[in-house]
């Protein structure tokens, strides 16, 4: 209440006005239409404030001082958990026979910083971010760390706005196309670990790798390796290094062990 000059005579009370801060009022220059981003996401927000907050980087919020204390870090925290659950659930349904260790590694390959940043670039998410002047001048819109965090924040915003079902549909739309690609990459890159785990689990023994030979000059050798279990050859591989040849042999062994003739072993 504000008092007038006369003692005891109150003036007309001036109603309090809450300061409303949106991404449009914060932006130094007009940003691209968020409707276009929603089209790319495949999700239209009921409350676009969730999406707006997901796009405010801490560097920009810091520069604004008291104008806003809101950035996307808490949404990033939420989105990290949302992606772990929804991507894990999708993998569980898509690969019902995959072992727990492989599911865990495949999920990690899909939600790590590098891959989330790649998905953010596909969505052109960097165009929509509010960054501090310093971060923007340092090419922050292209940084993997900023893009991956923004992607997680957007996932958190979708969960807040539409619940788990909306988040699950978002994951299905954007992550499913990567499932087989990441599975194959993981399979080739980590075949030795997978074979070791498989044999230890079934027989409590590990495989043995044997260098069968090499050919070519010293600067351009090709190594031939076999992987054996109880003296039986499970797979063979050839590559420019022993490690790569062992991975190829392990990958072949895993394919052989997955065949119907091995189902009862």
C-alpha atoms as a PDB file:
ATOM      1  CA  UNK A   1       0.000   0.000   0.000  1.00  0.00           C
ATOM      2  CA  UNK A   2       1.286   3.476  -0.903  1.00  0.00           C
ATOM      3  CA  UNK A   3       0.271   6.366   1.390  1.00  0.00           C
ATOM      4  CA  UNK A   4      -0.618   9.808   0.127  1.00  0.00           C
ATOM      5  CA  UNK A   5       0.873  13.020   1.479  1.00  0.00           C
ATOM      6  CA  UNK A   6      -1.965  13.324   4.034  1.00  0.00           C
ATOM      7  CA  UNK A   7      -1.429  11.315   7.201  1.00  0.00           C
ATOM      8  CA  UNK A   8      -3.719   8.359   7.487  1.00  0.00           C
ATOM      9  CA  UNK A   9      -5.274   8.807   4.071  1.00  0.00           C
ATOM     10  CA  UNK A  10      -4.304   5.959   1.780  1.00  0.00           C
ATOM     11  CA  UNK A  11      -4.040   6.617  -1.901  1.00  0.00           C
ATOM     12  CA  UNK A  12      -5.392   4.234  -4.463  1.00  0.00           C
ATOM     13  CA  UNK A  13      -3.550   0.958  -4.252  1.00  0.00           C
ATOM     14  CA  UNK A  14      -1.443   0.277  -7.320  1.00  0.00           C
ATOM     15  CA  UNK A  15      -1.903  -3.382  -8.333  1.00  0.00           C
ATOM     16  CA  UNK A  16       1.296  -5.481  -8.489  1.00  0.00           C
ATOM     17  CA  UNK A  17       2.357  -6.582 -11.948  1.00  0.00           C
ATOM     18  CA  UNK A  18       4.403  -9.745 -12.257  1.00  0.00           C
ATOM     19  CA  UNK A  19       7.290  -9.463 -14.673  1.00  0.00           C
ATOM     20  CA  UNK A  20       6.718 -11.882 -17.505  1.00  0.00           C
ATOM     21  CA  UNK A  21       9.910 -12.954 -19.227  1.00  0.00           C
ATOM     22  CA  UNK A  22       9.750 -14.997 -22.393  1.00  0.00           C
ATOM     23  CA  UNK A  23      12.308 -16.134 -24.913  1.00  0.00           C
ATOM     24  CA  UNK A  24      11.099 -13.386 -27.252  1.00  0.00           C
ATOM     25  CA  UNK A  25      11.663 -10.591 -24.720  1.00  0.00           C
ATOM     26  CA  UNK A  26      15.081 -11.983 -23.806  1.00  0.00           C
ATOM     27  CA  UNK A  27      16.375 -12.436 -27.333  1.00  0.00           C
ATOM     28  CA  UNK A  28      18.564  -9.577 -28.601  1.00  0.00           C
ATOM     29  CA  UNK A  29      17.489 -10.372 -32.139  1.00  0.00           C
ATOM     30  CA  UNK A  30      14.434 -12.207 -33.448  1.00  0.00           C
ATOM     31  CA  UNK A  31      14.766 -15.970 -33.230  1.00  0.00           C
ATOM     32  CA  UNK A  32      13.468 -18.478 -35.762  1.00  0.00           C
ATOM     33  CA  UNK A  33       9.822 -19.385 -35.364  1.00  0.00           C
ATOM     34  CA  UNK A  34       9.470 -22.050 -32.659  1.00  0.00           C
ATOM     35  CA  UNK A  35       6.653 -23.563 -34.677  1.00  0.00           C
ATOM     36  CA  UNK A  36       9.297 -24.735 -37.139  1.00  0.00           C
ATOM     37  CA  UNK A  37      11.202 -26.397 -34.321  1.00  0.00           C
ATOM     38  CA  UNK A  38       8.026 -28.098 -33.136  1.00  0.00           C
ATOM     39  CA  UNK A  39       7.524 -29.419 -36.640  1.00  0.00           C
ATOM     40  CA  UNK A  40      11.031 -30.884 -36.597  1.00  0.00           C
ATOM     41  CA  UNK A  41      10.499 -32.377 -33.156  1.00  0.00           C
ATOM     42  CA  UNK A  42       7.189 -33.879 -34.211  1.00  0.00           C
ATOM     43  CA  UNK A  43       5.588 -32.483 -31.061  1.00  0.00           C
ATOM     44  CA  UNK A  44       3.515 -29.353 -30.512  1.00  0.00           C
ATOM     45  CA  UNK A  45       3.592 -27.963 -27.000  1.00  0.00           C
ATOM     46  CA  UNK A  46       0.435 -27.165 -25.101  1.00  0.00           C
ATOM     47  CA  UNK A  47       2.488 -24.761 -22.982  1.00  0.00           C
ATOM     48  CA  UNK A  48       5.284 -23.387 -25.116  1.00  0.00           C
ATOM     49  CA  UNK A  49       6.960 -21.928 -22.018  1.00  0.00           C
ATOM     50  CA  UNK A  50       8.426 -25.391 -21.423  1.00  0.00           C
ATOM     51  CA  UNK A  51      10.116 -25.325 -24.810  1.00  0.00           C
ATOM     52  CA  UNK A  52      11.241 -21.735 -24.338  1.00  0.00           C
ATOM     53  CA  UNK A  53      12.959 -22.573 -21.062  1.00  0.00           C
ATOM     54  CA  UNK A  54      14.680 -25.575 -22.651  1.00  0.00           C
ATOM     55  CA  UNK A  55      16.412 -23.199 -25.072  1.00  0.00           C
ATOM     56  CA  UNK A  56      17.885 -20.781 -22.508  1.00  0.00           C
ATOM     57  CA  UNK A  57      21.548 -21.580 -21.845  1.00  0.00           C
ATOM     58  CA  UNK A  58      23.019 -20.688 -18.456  1.00  0.00           C
ATOM     59  CA  UNK A  59      25.440 -18.208 -20.062  1.00  0.00           C
ATOM     60  CA  UNK A  60      22.518 -16.127 -21.308  1.00  0.00           C
ATOM     61  CA  UNK A  61      20.610 -16.340 -18.029  1.00  0.00           C
ATOM     62  CA  UNK A  62      23.739 -15.170 -16.194  1.00  0.00           C
ATOM     63  CA  UNK A  63      24.086 -12.138 -18.444  1.00  0.00           C
ATOM     64  CA  UNK A  64      20.461 -11.180 -17.816  1.00  0.00           C
ATOM     65  CA  UNK A  65      21.054 -11.013 -14.058  1.00  0.00           C
ATOM     66  CA  UNK A  66      17.826 -10.492 -12.167  1.00  0.00           C
ATOM     67  CA  UNK A  67      15.767 -10.333 -15.309  1.00  0.00           C
ATOM     68  CA  UNK A  68      15.530 -14.100 -15.205  1.00  0.00           C
ATOM     69  CA  UNK A  69      16.887 -16.839 -13.000  1.00  0.00           C
ATOM     70  CA  UNK A  70      15.684 -19.535 -15.338  1.00  0.00           C
ATOM     71  CA  UNK A  71      17.874 -21.552 -17.656  1.00  0.00           C
ATOM     72  CA  UNK A  72      17.617 -25.051 -19.077  1.00  0.00           C
ATOM     73  CA  UNK A  73      19.832 -26.868 -16.558  1.00  0.00           C
ATOM     74  CA  UNK A  74      17.029 -28.377 -14.457  1.00  0.00           C
ATOM     75  CA  UNK A  75      15.224 -29.463 -17.615  1.00  0.00           C
ATOM     76  CA  UNK A  76      18.502 -30.997 -18.772  1.00  0.00           C
ATOM     77  CA  UNK A  77      18.635 -32.975 -15.515  1.00  0.00           C
ATOM     78  CA  UNK A  78      15.078 -34.178 -16.026  1.00  0.00           C
ATOM     79  CA  UNK A  79      15.622 -34.941 -19.706  1.00  0.00           C
ATOM     80  CA  UNK A  80      18.661 -37.072 -18.926  1.00  0.00           C
ATOM     81  CA  UNK A  81      16.478 -39.322 -16.769  1.00  0.00           C
ATOM     82  CA  UNK A  82      13.641 -39.263 -19.304  1.00  0.00           C
ATOM     83  CA  UNK A  83      15.941 -40.394 -22.119  1.00  0.00           C
ATOM     84  CA  UNK A  84      17.501 -43.131 -20.000  1.00  0.00           C
ATOM     85  CA  UNK A  85      14.055 -44.553 -19.258  1.00  0.00           C
ATOM     86  CA  UNK A  86      12.348 -44.046 -22.606  1.00  0.00           C
ATOM     87  CA  UNK A  87      15.309 -45.135 -24.739  1.00  0.00           C
ATOM     88  CA  UNK A  88      15.863 -48.115 -22.438  1.00  0.00           C
ATOM     89  CA  UNK A  89      12.192 -49.058 -22.698  1.00  0.00           C
ATOM     90  CA  UNK A  90      12.278 -48.758 -26.487  1.00  0.00           C
ATOM     91  CA  UNK A  91      15.395 -50.950 -26.718  1.00  0.00           C
ATOM     92  CA  UNK A  92      13.816 -53.507 -24.387  1.00  0.00           C
ATOM     93  CA  UNK A  93      10.840 -53.785 -26.746  1.00  0.00           C
ATOM     94  CA  UNK A  94      12.865 -53.634 -29.959  1.00  0.00           C
ATOM     95  CA  UNK A  95      15.479 -56.213 -28.944  1.00  0.00           C
ATOM     96  CA  UNK A  96      13.651 -58.664 -26.639  1.00  0.00           C
ATOM     97  CA  UNK A  97      16.416 -61.283 -26.872  1.00  0.00           C
ATOM     98  CA  UNK A  98      19.360 -58.943 -26.291  1.00  0.00           C
ATOM     99  CA  UNK A  99      21.374 -59.468 -23.127  1.00  0.00           C
ATOM    100  CA  UNK A 100      21.348 -56.885 -20.341  1.00  0.00           C
ATOM    101  CA  UNK A 101      24.964 -55.861 -20.843  1.00  0.00           C
ATOM    102  CA  UNK A 102      24.447 -55.269 -24.557  1.00  0.00           C
ATOM    103  CA  UNK A 103      21.270 -53.274 -23.928  1.00  0.00           C
ATOM    104  CA  UNK A 104      23.156 -51.080 -21.482  1.00  0.00           C
ATOM    105  CA  UNK A 105      25.993 -50.444 -23.938  1.00  0.00           C
ATOM    106  CA  UNK A 106      23.598 -49.757 -26.791  1.00  0.00           C
ATOM    107  CA  UNK A 107      21.645 -47.246 -24.717  1.00  0.00           C
ATOM    108  CA  UNK A 108      24.906 -45.553 -23.732  1.00  0.00           C
ATOM    109  CA  UNK A 109      25.848 -45.287 -27.413  1.00  0.00           C
ATOM    110  CA  UNK A 110      22.521 -43.600 -28.154  1.00  0.00           C
ATOM    111  CA  UNK A 111      22.405 -41.086 -25.296  1.00  0.00           C
ATOM    112  CA  UNK A 112      26.049 -40.059 -25.024  1.00  0.00           C
ATOM    113  CA  UNK A 113      27.125 -36.476 -25.686  1.00  0.00           C
ATOM    114  CA  UNK A 114      28.444 -37.097 -29.173  1.00  0.00           C
ATOM    115  CA  UNK A 115      25.329 -38.806 -30.474  1.00  0.00           C
ATOM    116  CA  UNK A 116      22.865 -36.413 -28.832  1.00  0.00           C
ATOM    117  CA  UNK A 117      24.795 -33.500 -30.333  1.00  0.00           C
ATOM    118  CA  UNK A 118      24.527 -35.117 -33.747  1.00  0.00           C
ATOM    119  CA  UNK A 119      20.770 -35.491 -33.328  1.00  0.00           C
ATOM    120  CA  UNK A 120      20.544 -31.869 -32.159  1.00  0.00           C
ATOM    121  CA  UNK A 121      22.365 -30.759 -35.308  1.00  0.00           C
ATOM    122  CA  UNK A 122      19.922 -32.730 -37.433  1.00  0.00           C
ATOM    123  CA  UNK A 123      17.129 -30.733 -35.766  1.00  0.00           C
ATOM    124  CA  UNK A 124      19.110 -27.471 -36.207  1.00  0.00           C
ATOM    125  CA  UNK A 125      18.595 -26.937 -32.492  1.00  0.00           C
ATOM    126  CA  UNK A 126      21.518 -24.541 -32.263  1.00  0.00           C
ATOM    127  CA  UNK A 127      19.612 -21.916 -34.261  1.00  0.00           C
ATOM    128  CA  UNK A 128      17.033 -21.600 -31.507  1.00  0.00           C
ATOM    129  CA  UNK A 129      19.313 -21.379 -28.456  1.00  0.00           C
ATOM    130  CA  UNK A 130      19.678 -18.292 -26.327  1.00  0.00           C
ATOM    131  CA  UNK A 131      23.374 -17.974 -25.494  1.00  0.00           C
ATOM    132  CA  UNK A 132      25.435 -15.371 -23.722  1.00  0.00           C
ATOM    133  CA  UNK A 133      27.329 -13.006 -25.996  1.00  0.00           C
ATOM    134  CA  UNK A 134      30.669 -14.566 -25.120  1.00  0.00           C
ATOM    135  CA  UNK A 135      29.463 -18.119 -25.657  1.00  0.00           C
ATOM    136  CA  UNK A 136      27.796 -17.158 -28.910  1.00  0.00           C
ATOM    137  CA  UNK A 137      30.955 -15.488 -30.218  1.00  0.00           C
ATOM    138  CA  UNK A 138      32.907 -18.649 -29.327  1.00  0.00           C
ATOM    139  CA  UNK A 139      30.716 -20.689 -31.666  1.00  0.00           C
ATOM    140  CA  UNK A 140      28.702 -22.138 -28.806  1.00  0.00           C
ATOM    141  CA  UNK A 141      25.818 -23.043 -31.107  1.00  0.00           C
ATOM    142  CA  UNK A 142      27.985 -25.764 -32.596  1.00  0.00           C
ATOM    143  CA  UNK A 143      29.519 -27.142 -29.385  1.00  0.00           C
ATOM    144  CA  UNK A 144      28.661 -30.764 -28.672  1.00  0.00           C
ATOM    145  CA  UNK A 145      28.341 -30.152 -24.934  1.00  0.00           C
ATOM    146  CA  UNK A 146      25.820 -27.326 -25.378  1.00  0.00           C
ATOM    147  CA  UNK A 147      23.842 -29.099 -28.086  1.00  0.00           C
ATOM    148  CA  UNK A 148      23.609 -32.402 -26.210  1.00  0.00           C
ATOM    149  CA  UNK A 149      22.459 -30.633 -23.044  1.00  0.00           C
ATOM    150  CA  UNK A 150      19.867 -28.677 -25.015  1.00  0.00           C
ATOM    151  CA  UNK A 151      18.588 -31.909 -26.559  1.00  0.00           C
ATOM    152  CA  UNK A 152      18.167 -33.387 -23.070  1.00  0.00           C
ATOM    153  CA  UNK A 153      16.404 -30.217 -21.937  1.00  0.00           C
ATOM    154  CA  UNK A 154      13.967 -30.441 -24.846  1.00  0.00           C
ATOM    155  CA  UNK A 155      13.242 -34.074 -23.942  1.00  0.00           C
ATOM    156  CA  UNK A 156      12.553 -32.946 -20.386  1.00  0.00           C
ATOM    157  CA  UNK A 157      10.271 -30.183 -21.659  1.00  0.00           C
ATOM    158  CA  UNK A 158       8.280 -32.663 -23.750  1.00  0.00           C
ATOM    159  CA  UNK A 159       7.880 -34.910 -20.698  1.00  0.00           C
ATOM    160  CA  UNK A 160       6.654 -31.983 -18.578  1.00  0.00           C
ATOM    161  CA  UNK A 161       4.244 -30.841 -21.254  1.00  0.00           C
ATOM    162  CA  UNK A 162       2.833 -34.157 -22.442  1.00  0.00           C
ATOM    163  CA  UNK A 163       3.890 -36.847 -19.978  1.00  0.00           C
ATOM    164  CA  UNK A 164       5.696 -40.108 -20.542  1.00  0.00           C
ATOM    165  CA  UNK A 165       3.683 -41.118 -23.600  1.00  0.00           C
ATOM    166  CA  UNK A 166       4.707 -37.953 -25.443  1.00  0.00           C
ATOM    167  CA  UNK A 167       8.347 -38.523 -24.492  1.00  0.00           C
ATOM    168  CA  UNK A 168       8.163 -42.157 -25.623  1.00  0.00           C
ATOM    169  CA  UNK A 169       6.712 -41.137 -28.988  1.00  0.00           C
ATOM    170  CA  UNK A 170       9.466 -38.539 -29.378  1.00  0.00           C
ATOM    171  CA  UNK A 171      12.082 -41.232 -28.717  1.00  0.00           C
ATOM    172  CA  UNK A 172      10.438 -43.624 -31.148  1.00  0.00           C
ATOM    173  CA  UNK A 173      10.400 -40.983 -33.859  1.00  0.00           C
ATOM    174  CA  UNK A 174      13.996 -39.826 -33.472  1.00  0.00           C
ATOM    175  CA  UNK A 175      15.916 -42.750 -31.969  1.00  0.00           C
ATOM    176  CA  UNK A 176      14.441 -45.804 -33.709  1.00  0.00           C
ATOM    177  CA  UNK A 177      16.182 -45.038 -37.026  1.00  0.00           C
ATOM    178  CA  UNK A 178      19.510 -45.269 -35.159  1.00  0.00           C
ATOM    179  CA  UNK A 179      18.900 -48.547 -33.361  1.00  0.00           C
ATOM    180  CA  UNK A 180      20.270 -50.931 -35.968  1.00  0.00           C
ATOM    181  CA  UNK A 181      23.108 -48.610 -36.971  1.00  0.00           C
ATOM    182  CA  UNK A 182      24.329 -48.194 -33.398  1.00  0.00           C
ATOM    183  CA  UNK A 183      23.858 -51.889 -32.698  1.00  0.00           C
ATOM    184  CA  UNK A 184      26.100 -52.815 -35.630  1.00  0.00           C
ATOM    185  CA  UNK A 185      28.736 -50.240 -34.661  1.00  0.00           C
ATOM    186  CA  UNK A 186      28.713 -51.455 -31.082  1.00  0.00           C
ATOM    187  CA  UNK A 187      28.798 -55.069 -32.212  1.00  0.00           C
ATOM    188  CA  UNK A 188      31.956 -54.529 -34.255  1.00  0.00           C
ATOM    189  CA  UNK A 189      33.668 -52.219 -31.776  1.00  0.00           C
ATOM    190  CA  UNK A 190      33.084 -54.332 -28.689  1.00  0.00           C
ATOM    191  CA  UNK A 191      32.828 -57.864 -30.034  1.00  0.00           C
ATOM    192  CA  UNK A 192      35.654 -59.175 -27.842  1.00  0.00           C
ATOM    193  CA  UNK A 193      33.965 -58.004 -24.635  1.00  0.00           C
ATOM    194  CA  UNK A 194      30.618 -59.417 -25.722  1.00  0.00           C
ATOM    195  CA  UNK A 195      32.126 -62.803 -26.591  1.00  0.00           C
ATOM    196  CA  UNK A 196      34.019 -62.896 -23.298  1.00  0.00           C
ATOM    197  CA  UNK A 197      30.831 -62.161 -21.333  1.00  0.00           C
ATOM    198  CA  UNK A 198      28.806 -64.696 -23.298  1.00  0.00           C
ATOM    199  CA  UNK A 199      31.241 -67.576 -22.797  1.00  0.00           C
ATOM    200  CA  UNK A 200      31.872 -66.728 -19.170  1.00  0.00           C
ATOM    201  CA  UNK A 201      28.145 -66.663 -18.538  1.00  0.00           C
ATOM    202  CA  UNK A 202      27.479 -69.986 -20.281  1.00  0.00           C
ATOM    203  CA  UNK A 203      30.593 -71.979 -19.462  1.00  0.00           C
ATOM    204  CA  UNK A 204      32.536 -69.959 -16.891  1.00  0.00           C
ATOM    205  CA  UNK A 205      35.479 -69.884 -19.306  1.00  0.00           C
ATOM    206  CA  UNK A 206      36.816 -67.325 -21.759  1.00  0.00           C
ATOM    207  CA  UNK A 207      38.015 -67.624 -25.373  1.00  0.00           C
ATOM    208  CA  UNK A 208      41.598 -67.736 -26.607  1.00  0.00           C
ATOM    209  CA  UNK A 209      42.953 -65.745 -29.569  1.00  0.00           C
ATOM    210  CA  UNK A 210      45.578 -67.314 -31.795  1.00  0.00           C
ATOM    211  CA  UNK A 211      47.703 -65.503 -34.383  1.00  0.00           C
ATOM    212  CA  UNK A 212      47.504 -67.844 -37.369  1.00  0.00           C
ATOM    213  CA  UNK A 213      49.949 -65.840 -39.462  1.00  0.00           C
ATOM    214  CA  UNK A 214      50.672 -62.575 -41.199  1.00  0.00           C
ATOM    215  CA  UNK A 215      51.591 -61.448 -44.670  1.00  0.00           C
ATOM    216  CA  UNK A 216      52.928 -58.408 -46.433  1.00  0.00           C
ATOM    217  CA  UNK A 217      55.814 -55.987 -45.776  1.00  0.00           C
ATOM    218  CA  UNK A 218      56.393 -54.635 -42.275  1.00  0.00           C
ATOM    219  CA  UNK A 219      54.762 -51.298 -43.040  1.00  0.00           C
ATOM    220  CA  UNK A 220      51.650 -52.923 -44.538  1.00  0.00           C
ATOM    221  CA  UNK A 221      51.064 -56.255 -42.827  1.00  0.00           C
ATOM    222  CA  UNK A 222      47.799 -58.155 -42.687  1.00  0.00           C
ATOM    223  CA  UNK A 223      47.264 -60.290 -39.583  1.00  0.00           C
ATOM    224  CA  UNK A 224      45.148 -63.438 -39.513  1.00  0.00           C
ATOM    225  CA  UNK A 225      43.667 -64.395 -36.143  1.00  0.00           C
ATOM    226  CA  UNK A 226      41.349 -67.141 -34.951  1.00  0.00           C
ATOM    227  CA  UNK A 227      39.375 -67.224 -31.732  1.00  0.00           C
ATOM    228  CA  UNK A 228      39.111 -70.623 -30.070  1.00  0.00           C
ATOM    229  CA  UNK A 229      37.131 -72.118 -27.250  1.00  0.00           C
ATOM    230  CA  UNK A 230      38.129 -75.536 -25.921  1.00  0.00           C
ATOM    231  CA  UNK A 231      40.274 -75.897 -29.056  1.00  0.00           C
ATOM    232  CA  UNK A 232      37.302 -75.369 -31.354  1.00  0.00           C
ATOM    233  CA  UNK A 233      37.629 -72.459 -33.799  1.00  0.00           C
ATOM    234  CA  UNK A 234      34.652 -70.158 -33.298  1.00  0.00           C
ATOM    235  CA  UNK A 235      35.648 -67.457 -35.778  1.00  0.00           C
ATOM    236  CA  UNK A 236      38.441 -65.938 -37.832  1.00  0.00           C
ATOM    237  CA  UNK A 237      39.436 -62.420 -38.777  1.00  0.00           C
ATOM    238  CA  UNK A 238      41.996 -60.554 -40.854  1.00  0.00           C
ATOM    239  CA  UNK A 239      43.021 -56.915 -40.493  1.00  0.00           C
ATOM    240  CA  UNK A 240      45.935 -54.467 -40.526  1.00  0.00           C
ATOM    241  CA  UNK A 241      46.431 -54.833 -36.765  1.00  0.00           C
ATOM    242  CA  UNK A 242      46.168 -57.765 -34.377  1.00  0.00           C
ATOM    243  CA  UNK A 243      43.538 -55.995 -32.281  1.00  0.00           C
ATOM    244  CA  UNK A 244      41.296 -55.359 -35.275  1.00  0.00           C
ATOM    245  CA  UNK A 245      41.735 -58.953 -36.451  1.00  0.00           C
ATOM    246  CA  UNK A 246      40.750 -60.197 -33.001  1.00  0.00           C
ATOM    247  CA  UNK A 247      37.617 -57.990 -33.061  1.00  0.00           C
ATOM    248  CA  UNK A 248      36.663 -59.384 -36.472  1.00  0.00           C
ATOM    249  CA  UNK A 249      37.210 -62.941 -35.259  1.00  0.00           C
ATOM    250  CA  UNK A 250      35.096 -62.260 -32.163  1.00  0.00           C
ATOM    251  CA  UNK A 251      32.334 -60.725 -34.278  1.00  0.00           C
ATOM    252  CA  UNK A 252      32.273 -63.818 -36.503  1.00  0.00           C
ATOM    253  CA  UNK A 253      32.193 -66.045 -33.407  1.00  0.00           C
ATOM    254  CA  UNK A 254      29.197 -64.159 -32.005  1.00  0.00           C
ATOM    255  CA  UNK A 255      27.322 -64.580 -35.287  1.00  0.00           C
ATOM    256  CA  UNK A 256      28.151 -68.282 -35.354  1.00  0.00           C
ATOM    257  CA  UNK A 257      27.062 -68.772 -31.753  1.00  0.00           C
ATOM    258  CA  UNK A 258      23.795 -67.006 -32.489  1.00  0.00           C
ATOM    259  CA  UNK A 259      22.961 -69.548 -35.210  1.00  0.00           C
ATOM    260  CA  UNK A 260      20.251 -72.165 -34.681  1.00  0.00           C
ATOM    261  CA  UNK A 261      22.800 -74.938 -34.458  1.00  0.00           C
ATOM    262  CA  UNK A 262      24.203 -73.269 -31.326  1.00  0.00           C
ATOM    263  CA  UNK A 263      20.910 -72.623 -29.614  1.00  0.00           C
ATOM    264  CA  UNK A 264      21.101 -75.656 -27.403  1.00  0.00           C
ATOM    265  CA  UNK A 265      24.724 -75.351 -26.401  1.00  0.00           C
END
